[in-house]
Amino acid sequence: MAEISPIDVQKALSGVDYPCDRDQLAKRATDNGADKRLVERIRKLDTKTFQNPAEVSKALFKHA
């Protein structure tokens, strides 16, 4: 995977119940077969807890 796309994030986080912390997001992404680079980016997010998918996407793509 060259770059992480919003679609990759949606697939990786399918089934997440919000609010959710970044460790839970990383576990769900791993369980959903996400690329290891995406899982690492989730684990390194500055925000600890997310209220909805839009917050996750904003955090992941703010420096893109």
C-alpha atoms as a PDB file:
ATOM      1  CA  MET A   1       0.000   0.000   0.000  1.00  0.00           C
ATOM      2  CA  ALA A   2       1.602   3.239  -1.133  1.00  0.00           C
ATOM      3  CA  GLU A   3      -0.533   5.672   0.857  1.00  0.00           C
ATOM      4  CA  ILE A   4      -3.307   5.178   3.344  1.00  0.00           C
ATOM      5  CA  SER A   5      -6.651   6.247   1.925  1.00  0.00           C
ATOM      6  CA  PRO A   6      -9.881   7.151   3.701  1.00  0.00           C
ATOM      7  CA  ILE A   7     -11.377   3.944   2.297  1.00  0.00           C
ATOM      8  CA  ASP A   8      -8.566   1.916   3.899  1.00  0.00           C
ATOM      9  CA  VAL A   9      -9.384   3.584   7.220  1.00  0.00           C
ATOM     10  CA  GLN A  10     -13.116   2.859   6.861  1.00  0.00           C
ATOM     11  CA  LYS A  11     -12.426  -0.820   6.160  1.00  0.00           C
ATOM     12  CA  ALA A  12      -9.904  -1.093   8.992  1.00  0.00           C
ATOM     13  CA  LEU A  13     -12.248   0.455  11.554  1.00  0.00           C
ATOM     14  CA  SER A  14     -15.420  -1.318  10.467  1.00  0.00           C
ATOM     15  CA  GLY A  15     -17.471  -2.292  13.506  1.00  0.00           C
ATOM     16  CA  VAL A  16     -15.905   0.150  15.992  1.00  0.00           C
ATOM     17  CA  ASP A  17     -18.209   1.419  18.740  1.00  0.00           C
ATOM     18  CA  TYR A  18     -17.517   5.038  19.665  1.00  0.00           C
ATOM     19  CA  PRO A  19     -16.268   6.611  21.834  1.00  0.00           C
ATOM     20  CA  CYS A  20     -13.122   4.540  21.456  1.00  0.00           C
ATOM     21  CA  ASP A  21      -9.482   4.941  22.429  1.00  0.00           C
ATOM     22  CA  ARG A  22      -6.565   4.589  20.039  1.00  0.00           C
ATOM     23  CA  ASP A  23      -5.546   1.180  21.464  1.00  0.00           C
ATOM     24  CA  GLN A  24      -9.035  -0.191  20.757  1.00  0.00           C
ATOM     25  CA  LEU A  25      -8.893   1.331  17.265  1.00  0.00           C
ATOM     26  CA  ALA A  26      -5.519  -0.304  16.612  1.00  0.00           C
ATOM     27  CA  LYS A  27      -6.820  -3.676  17.804  1.00  0.00           C
ATOM     28  CA  ARG A  28      -9.910  -3.445  15.591  1.00  0.00           C
ATOM     29  CA  ALA A  29      -7.778  -2.441  12.616  1.00  0.00           C
ATOM     30  CA  THR A  30      -5.501  -5.434  13.229  1.00  0.00           C
ATOM     31  CA  ASP A  31      -8.501  -7.760  13.603  1.00  0.00           C
ATOM     32  CA  ASN A  32      -9.900  -6.392  10.320  1.00  0.00           C
ATOM     33  CA  GLY A  33      -6.631  -7.150   8.489  1.00  0.00           C
ATOM     34  CA  ALA A  34      -5.411  -3.574   8.098  1.00  0.00           C
ATOM     35  CA  ASP A  35      -1.972  -2.797   6.736  1.00  0.00           C
ATOM     36  CA  LYS A  36       0.616  -2.684   9.538  1.00  0.00           C
ATOM     37  CA  ARG A  37       1.554   0.901   8.616  1.00  0.00           C
ATOM     38  CA  LEU A  38      -2.020   2.023   9.229  1.00  0.00           C
ATOM     39  CA  VAL A  39      -2.117   0.248  12.584  1.00  0.00           C
ATOM     40  CA  GLU A  40       1.136   1.977  13.601  1.00  0.00           C
ATOM     41  CA  ARG A  41      -0.224   5.380  12.571  1.00  0.00           C
ATOM     42  CA  ILE A  42      -3.298   4.764  14.710  1.00  0.00           C
ATOM     43  CA  ARG A  43      -1.145   3.789  17.701  1.00  0.00           C
ATOM     44  CA  LYS A  44       0.877   7.006  17.351  1.00  0.00           C
ATOM     45  CA  LEU A  45      -2.080   9.398  17.182  1.00  0.00           C
ATOM     46  CA  ASP A  46      -1.868  12.355  19.572  1.00  0.00           C
ATOM     47  CA  THR A  47      -5.505  12.100  20.576  1.00  0.00           C
ATOM     48  CA  LYS A  48      -6.223   9.317  23.055  1.00  0.00           C
ATOM     49  CA  THR A  49     -10.030   9.045  22.729  1.00  0.00           C
ATOM     50  CA  PHE A  50     -12.195   9.535  19.645  1.00  0.00           C
ATOM     51  CA  GLN A  51     -15.911  10.293  19.624  1.00  0.00           C
ATOM     52  CA  ASN A  52     -16.626   9.316  15.998  1.00  0.00           C
ATOM     53  CA  PRO A  53     -15.009   8.193  12.709  1.00  0.00           C
ATOM     54  CA  ALA A  54     -14.622  11.796  11.509  1.00  0.00           C
ATOM     55  CA  GLU A  55     -12.312  12.558  14.457  1.00  0.00           C
ATOM     56  CA  VAL A  56     -10.159   9.542  13.590  1.00  0.00           C
ATOM     57  CA  SER A  57      -9.891  10.559   9.935  1.00  0.00           C
ATOM     58  CA  LYS A  58      -9.076  14.152  10.861  1.00  0.00           C
ATOM     59  CA  ALA A  59      -6.277  12.972  13.164  1.00  0.00           C
ATOM     60  CA  LEU A  60      -4.874  10.510  10.623  1.00  0.00           C
ATOM     61  CA  PHE A  61      -4.883  12.900   7.683  1.00  0.00           C
ATOM     62  CA  LYS A  62      -4.060  16.223   9.361  1.00  0.00           C
ATOM     63  CA  HIS A  63      -0.441  16.048   8.206  1.00  0.00           C
ATOM     64  CA  ALA A  64      -1.129  14.413   4.845  1.00  0.00           C
END
